């Protein structure tokens, strides 16, 4: 059973709020964000001097720390290795042939 099934919208709200606070602190613009059962979709505007790899690293590190602080006892029951939440990989792409409005609509229809 997924974490979403156990914690309902509480963990989703915690993740979204933390990602928004990270974005605010780093001057990223979240155009759209939605969660699915085991991942997050984000349409993000950022300065071209920032690397996608570092952005993802920051998002994963800071949200993991936050979630373990907030939901530690529950997460410890579901993760064999402490302080893990996200998988190692990620998918990122830039908007090319598709408009940002189409990507935003796709993200908003997730979950």
N, C-alpha and C. Protein backbone atom coordinates (compact mmCIF):
# COMPACT_ATOMS: atom_id res chain seq x y z
N UNK A 1 0.84 -1.18 0.00
CA UNK A 1 0.00 0.00 0.00
C UNK A 1 0.89 1.24 0.00
N UNK A 2 0.52 2.24 -0.75
CA UNK A 2 1.34 3.44 -0.87
C UNK A 2 1.27 4.30 0.38
N UNK A 3 2.26 5.17 0.52
CA UNK A 3 2.26 6.11 1.63
C UNK A 3 1.03 7.01 1.55
N UNK A 4 0.65 7.36 0.33
CA UNK A 4 -0.53 8.21 0.14
C UNK A 4 -1.76 7.56 0.77
N UNK A 5 -1.89 6.26 0.62
CA UNK A 5 -3.04 5.57 1.18
C UNK A 5 -3.03 5.63 2.71
N UNK A 6 -1.84 5.61 3.31
CA UNK A 6 -1.73 5.65 4.77
C UNK A 6 -1.92 7.05 5.35
N UNK A 7 -1.32 8.03 4.74
CA UNK A 7 -1.32 9.38 5.30
C UNK A 7 -2.29 10.33 4.61
N UNK A 8 -2.94 9.86 3.56
CA UNK A 8 -3.89 10.72 2.86
C UNK A 8 -3.19 11.94 2.28
N UNK A 9 -3.89 13.05 2.32
CA UNK A 9 -3.37 14.27 1.74
C UNK A 9 -2.35 14.98 2.62
N UNK A 10 -2.17 14.53 3.85
CA UNK A 10 -1.24 15.18 4.77
C UNK A 10 0.18 15.20 4.22
N UNK A 11 0.66 14.07 3.72
CA UNK A 11 2.03 14.03 3.19
C UNK A 11 2.15 14.80 1.89
N UNK A 12 1.09 14.78 1.09
CA UNK A 12 1.09 15.52 -0.18
C UNK A 12 1.21 17.01 0.10
N UNK A 13 0.42 17.49 1.04
CA UNK A 13 0.49 18.91 1.40
C UNK A 13 1.86 19.28 1.95
N UNK A 14 2.44 18.40 2.76
CA UNK A 14 3.77 18.66 3.33
C UNK A 14 4.83 18.74 2.23
N UNK A 15 4.77 17.85 1.27
CA UNK A 15 5.73 17.87 0.16
C UNK A 15 5.56 19.14 -0.67
N UNK A 16 4.33 19.46 -1.04
CA UNK A 16 4.08 20.64 -1.86
C UNK A 16 4.51 21.92 -1.15
N UNK A 17 4.19 22.03 0.12
CA UNK A 17 4.58 23.23 0.88
C UNK A 17 6.09 23.36 0.97
N UNK A 18 6.77 22.24 1.21
CA UNK A 18 8.24 22.29 1.31
C UNK A 18 8.86 22.63 -0.04
N UNK A 19 8.37 22.04 -1.11
CA UNK A 19 8.89 22.37 -2.45
C UNK A 19 8.66 23.85 -2.75
N UNK A 20 7.50 24.37 -2.38
CA UNK A 20 7.22 25.79 -2.61
C UNK A 20 8.18 26.67 -1.80
N UNK A 21 8.47 26.30 -0.56
CA UNK A 21 9.38 27.11 0.25
C UNK A 21 10.81 27.05 -0.30
N UNK A 22 11.22 25.90 -0.81
CA UNK A 22 12.54 25.77 -1.45
C UNK A 22 12.58 26.65 -2.70
N UNK A 23 11.53 26.58 -3.49
CA UNK A 23 11.46 27.39 -4.72
C UNK A 23 11.54 28.89 -4.38
N UNK A 24 10.81 29.30 -3.37
CA UNK A 24 10.84 30.71 -2.96
C UNK A 24 12.25 31.12 -2.52
N UNK A 25 12.89 30.27 -1.74
CA UNK A 25 14.23 30.58 -1.23
C UNK A 25 15.27 30.67 -2.33
N UNK A 26 15.08 29.90 -3.40
CA UNK A 26 16.05 29.87 -4.50
C UNK A 26 15.60 30.66 -5.73
N UNK A 27 14.49 31.36 -5.59
CA UNK A 27 13.95 32.21 -6.67
C UNK A 27 13.56 31.39 -7.91
N UNK A 28 13.01 30.19 -7.68
CA UNK A 28 12.44 29.40 -8.76
C UNK A 28 10.96 29.76 -8.85
N UNK A 29 10.41 29.61 -10.04
CA UNK A 29 8.98 29.85 -10.22
C UNK A 29 8.29 28.52 -10.49
N UNK A 30 7.41 28.13 -9.59
CA UNK A 30 6.62 26.91 -9.82
C UNK A 30 5.39 27.33 -10.61
N UNK A 31 5.35 26.90 -11.87
CA UNK A 31 4.22 27.20 -12.75
C UNK A 31 3.09 26.21 -12.48
N UNK A 32 3.46 24.94 -12.28
CA UNK A 32 2.48 23.89 -11.97
C UNK A 32 3.18 22.81 -11.17
N UNK A 33 2.43 22.20 -10.24
CA UNK A 33 2.98 21.10 -9.45
C UNK A 33 1.82 20.19 -9.05
N UNK A 34 2.02 18.89 -9.23
CA UNK A 34 1.01 17.92 -8.82
C UNK A 34 1.71 16.62 -8.46
N UNK A 35 1.13 15.90 -7.52
CA UNK A 35 1.68 14.62 -7.11
C UNK A 35 0.88 13.49 -7.74
N UNK A 36 1.56 12.38 -7.93
CA UNK A 36 0.92 11.14 -8.32
C UNK A 36 1.18 10.18 -7.17
N UNK A 37 0.85 8.91 -7.30
CA UNK A 37 0.99 8.02 -6.14
C UNK A 37 2.43 7.84 -5.68
N UNK A 38 3.40 7.99 -6.59
CA UNK A 38 4.79 7.79 -6.15
C UNK A 38 5.78 8.76 -6.78
N UNK A 39 5.30 9.90 -7.26
CA UNK A 39 6.20 10.90 -7.82
C UNK A 39 5.52 12.26 -7.89
N UNK A 40 6.32 13.27 -8.22
CA UNK A 40 5.83 14.65 -8.30
C UNK A 40 6.15 15.19 -9.68
N UNK A 41 5.20 15.88 -10.28
CA UNK A 41 5.41 16.58 -11.54
C UNK A 41 5.54 18.06 -11.21
N UNK A 42 6.58 18.71 -11.75
CA UNK A 42 6.76 20.14 -11.50
C UNK A 42 7.14 20.82 -12.81
N UNK A 43 6.44 21.89 -13.13
CA UNK A 43 6.85 22.78 -14.23
C UNK A 43 7.49 23.97 -13.54
N UNK A 44 8.78 24.13 -13.75
CA UNK A 44 9.58 25.04 -12.95
C UNK A 44 10.33 26.03 -13.84
N UNK A 45 10.25 27.29 -13.48
CA UNK A 45 11.06 28.31 -14.12
C UNK A 45 12.25 28.60 -13.22
N UNK A 46 13.44 28.70 -13.81
CA UNK A 46 14.63 28.92 -13.01
C UNK A 46 15.66 29.66 -13.84
N UNK A 47 16.63 30.25 -13.17
CA UNK A 47 17.71 30.97 -13.84
C UNK A 47 18.57 29.97 -14.60
N UNK A 48 18.97 30.32 -15.78
CA UNK A 48 19.75 29.41 -16.62
C UNK A 48 21.14 29.11 -16.05
N UNK A 49 21.57 29.86 -15.04
CA UNK A 49 22.86 29.55 -14.41
C UNK A 49 22.73 28.40 -13.42
N UNK A 50 21.51 28.05 -13.05
CA UNK A 50 21.27 26.90 -12.16
C UNK A 50 21.21 25.62 -13.00
N UNK A 51 21.76 24.55 -12.46
CA UNK A 51 21.69 23.28 -13.19
C UNK A 51 20.49 22.46 -12.70
N UNK A 52 19.87 21.76 -13.61
CA UNK A 52 18.73 20.91 -13.27
C UNK A 52 19.14 19.88 -12.23
N UNK A 53 20.31 19.32 -12.38
CA UNK A 53 20.81 18.33 -11.44
C UNK A 53 20.86 18.89 -10.01
N UNK A 54 21.38 20.09 -9.86
CA UNK A 54 21.46 20.70 -8.53
C UNK A 54 20.08 21.08 -7.98
N UNK A 55 19.18 21.49 -8.85
CA UNK A 55 17.83 21.80 -8.41
C UNK A 55 17.16 20.54 -7.87
N UNK A 56 17.24 19.45 -8.62
CA UNK A 56 16.62 18.19 -8.19
C UNK A 56 17.27 17.71 -6.90
N UNK A 57 18.58 17.79 -6.82
CA UNK A 57 19.30 17.38 -5.60
C UNK A 57 18.81 18.17 -4.39
N UNK A 58 18.68 19.47 -4.54
CA UNK A 58 18.21 20.31 -3.44
C UNK A 58 16.78 19.94 -3.05
N UNK A 59 15.90 19.79 -4.04
CA UNK A 59 14.51 19.43 -3.75
C UNK A 59 14.42 18.10 -3.02
N UNK A 60 15.16 17.11 -3.49
CA UNK A 60 15.11 15.79 -2.86
C UNK A 60 15.70 15.80 -1.46
N UNK A 61 16.85 16.44 -1.29
CA UNK A 61 17.49 16.47 0.03
C UNK A 61 16.63 17.18 1.07
N UNK A 62 16.17 18.36 0.71
CA UNK A 62 15.43 19.16 1.68
C UNK A 62 14.05 18.59 1.98
N UNK A 63 13.37 18.03 0.99
CA UNK A 63 12.06 17.42 1.27
C UNK A 63 12.23 16.13 2.06
N UNK A 64 13.26 15.36 1.77
CA UNK A 64 13.50 14.14 2.54
C UNK A 64 13.72 14.47 4.01
N UNK A 65 14.60 15.42 4.26
CA UNK A 65 14.88 15.83 5.65
C UNK A 65 13.59 16.28 6.34
N UNK A 66 12.82 17.11 5.67
CA UNK A 66 11.57 17.63 6.22
C UNK A 66 10.57 16.50 6.52
N UNK A 67 10.41 15.58 5.57
CA UNK A 67 9.44 14.49 5.75
C UNK A 67 9.86 13.55 6.87
N UNK A 68 11.15 13.27 6.99
CA UNK A 68 11.62 12.41 8.09
C UNK A 68 11.45 13.08 9.44
N UNK A 69 11.61 14.38 9.49
CA UNK A 69 11.36 15.09 10.75
C UNK A 69 9.89 15.03 11.12
N UNK A 70 9.06 15.19 10.13
CA UNK A 70 7.61 15.28 10.38
C UNK A 70 6.93 13.91 10.51
N UNK A 71 7.36 12.93 9.70
CA UNK A 71 6.69 11.63 9.68
C UNK A 71 7.64 10.47 9.98
N UNK A 72 8.72 10.73 10.70
CA UNK A 72 9.76 9.74 10.95
C UNK A 72 9.28 8.38 11.43
N UNK A 73 8.49 8.31 12.50
CA UNK A 73 8.05 6.99 12.99
C UNK A 73 7.28 6.19 11.93
N UNK A 74 6.44 6.87 11.17
CA UNK A 74 5.69 6.18 10.12
C UNK A 74 6.63 5.72 9.00
N UNK A 75 7.50 6.61 8.53
CA UNK A 75 8.40 6.26 7.43
C UNK A 75 9.35 5.14 7.80
N UNK A 76 9.78 5.09 9.05
CA UNK A 76 10.70 4.04 9.50
C UNK A 76 10.09 2.64 9.35
N UNK A 77 8.78 2.56 9.39
CA UNK A 77 8.10 1.27 9.21
C UNK A 77 8.08 0.82 7.75
N UNK A 78 8.28 1.74 6.82
CA UNK A 78 8.12 1.45 5.40
C UNK A 78 9.40 1.52 4.59
N UNK A 79 10.47 2.03 5.18
CA UNK A 79 11.74 2.15 4.47
C UNK A 79 12.80 1.42 5.26
N UNK A 80 13.46 0.45 4.62
CA UNK A 80 14.46 -0.35 5.32
C UNK A 80 15.73 0.44 5.60
N UNK A 81 16.00 1.46 4.82
CA UNK A 81 17.20 2.28 5.01
C UNK A 81 16.75 3.66 5.49
N UNK A 82 17.17 4.03 6.66
CA UNK A 82 16.74 5.29 7.25
C UNK A 82 17.14 6.49 6.41
N UNK A 83 16.28 7.46 6.41
CA UNK A 83 16.48 8.75 5.76
C UNK A 83 16.41 8.69 4.24
N UNK A 84 15.76 7.69 3.73
CA UNK A 84 15.52 7.58 2.29
C UNK A 84 14.06 7.91 2.05
N UNK A 85 13.78 8.61 0.99
CA UNK A 85 12.39 8.83 0.59
C UNK A 85 12.24 8.75 -0.92
N UNK A 86 13.08 9.47 -1.65
CA UNK A 86 13.00 9.49 -3.10
C UNK A 86 13.90 8.43 -3.72
N UNK A 87 13.59 8.02 -4.94
CA UNK A 87 14.48 7.12 -5.68
C UNK A 87 15.69 7.91 -6.16
N UNK A 88 16.71 7.22 -6.63
CA UNK A 88 17.93 7.87 -7.08
C UNK A 88 17.73 8.69 -8.36
N UNK A 89 16.84 8.27 -9.22
CA UNK A 89 16.72 8.90 -10.53
C UNK A 89 15.68 10.00 -10.58
N UNK A 90 15.63 10.65 -11.72
CA UNK A 90 14.61 11.65 -12.00
C UNK A 90 14.51 11.82 -13.51
N UNK A 91 13.41 12.39 -13.95
CA UNK A 91 13.25 12.71 -15.36
C UNK A 91 13.06 14.22 -15.47
N UNK A 92 13.81 14.84 -16.35
CA UNK A 92 13.68 16.28 -16.59
C UNK A 92 13.77 16.52 -18.08
N UNK A 93 13.00 17.48 -18.54
CA UNK A 93 13.11 17.89 -19.93
C UNK A 93 12.77 19.36 -20.02
N UNK A 94 13.24 19.97 -21.09
CA UNK A 94 12.91 21.37 -21.32
C UNK A 94 11.72 21.44 -22.26
N UNK A 95 11.04 22.56 -22.23
CA UNK A 95 9.90 22.74 -23.13
C UNK A 95 10.45 23.11 -24.50
N UNK A 96 10.11 22.32 -25.47
CA UNK A 96 10.59 22.57 -26.82
C UNK A 96 9.43 22.84 -27.75
N UNK A 97 8.93 21.80 -28.35
CA UNK A 97 7.87 21.92 -29.35
C UNK A 97 6.48 22.08 -28.74
N UNK A 98 6.38 21.87 -27.43
CA UNK A 98 5.08 21.94 -26.76
C UNK A 98 5.03 23.23 -25.94
N UNK A 99 3.90 23.85 -25.88
CA UNK A 99 3.78 25.10 -25.12
C UNK A 99 3.75 24.80 -23.62
N UNK A 100 4.12 25.80 -22.83
CA UNK A 100 4.08 25.64 -21.38
C UNK A 100 2.65 25.43 -20.90
N UNK A 101 1.66 25.98 -21.60
CA UNK A 101 0.26 25.79 -21.22
C UNK A 101 -0.16 24.33 -21.33
N UNK A 102 0.32 23.63 -22.35
CA UNK A 102 0.00 22.21 -22.52
C UNK A 102 0.67 21.39 -21.41
N UNK A 103 1.91 21.69 -21.10
CA UNK A 103 2.62 20.99 -20.01
C UNK A 103 1.91 21.26 -18.68
N UNK A 104 1.53 22.51 -18.43
CA UNK A 104 0.85 22.86 -17.21
C UNK A 104 -0.46 22.09 -17.08
N UNK A 105 -1.23 22.00 -18.15
CA UNK A 105 -2.49 21.26 -18.13
C UNK A 105 -2.25 19.78 -17.84
N UNK A 106 -1.21 19.19 -18.44
CA UNK A 106 -0.86 17.80 -18.18
C UNK A 106 -0.55 17.59 -16.70
N UNK A 107 0.27 18.46 -16.14
CA UNK A 107 0.66 18.34 -14.73
C UNK A 107 -0.55 18.47 -13.83
N UNK A 108 -1.40 19.42 -14.10
CA UNK A 108 -2.58 19.64 -13.26
C UNK A 108 -3.56 18.47 -13.30
N UNK A 109 -3.49 17.64 -14.33
CA UNK A 109 -4.38 16.48 -14.44
C UNK A 109 -3.77 15.21 -13.88
N UNK A 110 -2.63 15.30 -13.21
CA UNK A 110 -2.01 14.13 -12.59
C UNK A 110 -2.67 13.87 -11.24
N UNK A 111 -2.40 12.68 -10.70
CA UNK A 111 -2.92 12.34 -9.38
C UNK A 111 -4.25 11.72 -9.50
